[in-house]
Amino acid sequence: MSFLTLTVVHNSAIFRPDEDGRPVVSSPDFPRAHRDGKNMQEAFEEATDCLSSVISAHIAEKLQIPEPSPINFIVNPDKLH
């Protein structure tokens, strides 16, 4: 019988509005990984998918995956509708 060990890692996420008020999510650990959405839920889902792809690419290319930054969620709900 084989076992799979799964480690769940949380990465920091910065939520901010773009010039049109759409939420944009970026990760300080992966500066080129950022996504937006029509609302917070969609932006979160897009960012999750993007981060998964970036980490998968790092693994495939044998690149170092950075240690996660402390968890920080920066949201100004008055600017994200």
Protein backbone atom coordinates (compact mmCIF):
# COMPACT_ATOMS: atom_id res chain seq x y z
CA MET A 1 0.00 0.00 0.00
CA SER A 2 1.36 3.44 -0.87
CA PHE A 3 0.56 6.66 0.89
CA LEU A 4 0.35 10.19 -0.38
CA THR A 5 1.38 13.02 1.90
CA LEU A 6 -0.34 16.30 1.20
CA THR A 7 0.90 19.51 2.69
CA VAL A 8 -1.43 22.48 2.54
CA VAL A 9 0.37 25.78 2.28
CA HIS A 10 -1.26 29.16 2.49
CA ASN A 11 0.13 31.99 0.40
CA SER A 12 -0.48 35.64 1.03
CA ALA A 13 -2.94 37.39 -1.19
CA ILE A 14 -3.43 41.08 -1.80
CA PHE A 15 -6.87 42.15 -2.99
CA ARG A 16 -7.16 45.61 -4.51
CA PRO A 17 -9.46 47.32 -7.00
CA ASP A 18 -8.25 48.17 -10.50
CA GLU A 19 -9.04 51.49 -12.19
CA ASP A 20 -12.54 50.20 -13.05
CA GLY A 21 -13.24 48.94 -9.53
CA ARG A 22 -12.82 45.23 -10.40
CA PRO A 23 -11.05 43.20 -7.70
CA VAL A 24 -7.47 42.18 -8.56
CA VAL A 25 -5.64 39.53 -6.56
CA SER A 26 -1.86 39.30 -6.48
CA SER A 27 0.64 37.21 -4.54
CA PRO A 28 3.84 38.66 -3.11
CA ASP A 29 5.38 35.17 -3.30
CA PHE A 30 4.77 34.95 -7.06
CA PRO A 31 4.91 38.54 -8.37
CA ARG A 32 3.80 37.65 -11.91
CA ALA A 33 0.75 35.71 -10.68
CA HIS A 34 -2.21 38.05 -10.53
CA ARG A 35 -5.82 37.75 -11.61
CA ASP A 36 -9.01 39.73 -11.55
CA GLY A 37 -12.71 39.00 -11.57
CA LYS A 38 -16.08 40.64 -11.87
CA ASN A 39 -16.50 40.18 -8.10
CA MET A 40 -14.49 38.96 -5.10
CA GLN A 41 -15.60 35.32 -5.50
CA GLU A 42 -14.57 35.18 -9.14
CA ALA A 43 -11.26 36.96 -8.44
CA PHE A 44 -10.49 34.46 -5.66
CA GLU A 45 -11.31 31.49 -7.91
CA GLU A 46 -9.17 32.88 -10.74
CA ALA A 47 -6.28 33.57 -8.36
CA THR A 48 -6.47 30.05 -6.93
CA ASP A 49 -6.33 28.56 -10.42
CA CYS A 50 -3.47 30.85 -11.43
CA LEU A 51 -1.43 30.03 -8.34
CA SER A 52 -1.93 26.30 -8.92
CA SER A 53 -0.65 26.70 -12.47
CA VAL A 54 2.37 28.75 -11.39
CA ILE A 55 3.35 26.22 -8.71
CA SER A 56 2.87 23.33 -11.16
CA ALA A 57 5.13 25.10 -13.67
CA HIS A 58 7.78 25.65 -10.97
CA ILE A 59 7.69 21.93 -10.14
CA ALA A 60 7.85 20.87 -13.80
CA GLU A 61 10.79 23.19 -14.47
CA LYS A 62 12.50 22.18 -11.20
CA LEU A 63 12.47 25.77 -9.99
CA GLN A 64 12.54 26.63 -6.32
CA ILE A 65 9.14 27.34 -4.81
CA PRO A 66 9.44 30.29 -2.42
CA GLU A 67 8.52 29.93 1.23
CA PRO A 68 5.07 31.38 1.81
CA SER A 69 4.89 34.87 3.23
CA PRO A 70 2.77 35.40 6.34
CA ILE A 71 -0.93 35.23 5.59
CA ASN A 72 -2.30 38.69 4.86
CA PHE A 73 -5.54 39.54 3.16
CA ILE A 74 -5.76 43.22 2.37
CA VAL A 75 -9.24 44.22 1.31
CA ASN A 76 -11.01 47.54 1.26
CA PRO A 77 -14.64 46.41 0.89
CA ASP A 78 -15.80 49.98 0.15
CA LYS A 79 -13.91 49.89 -3.16
CA LEU A 80 -14.85 46.35 -4.23
CA HIS A 81 -18.46 45.89 -5.29
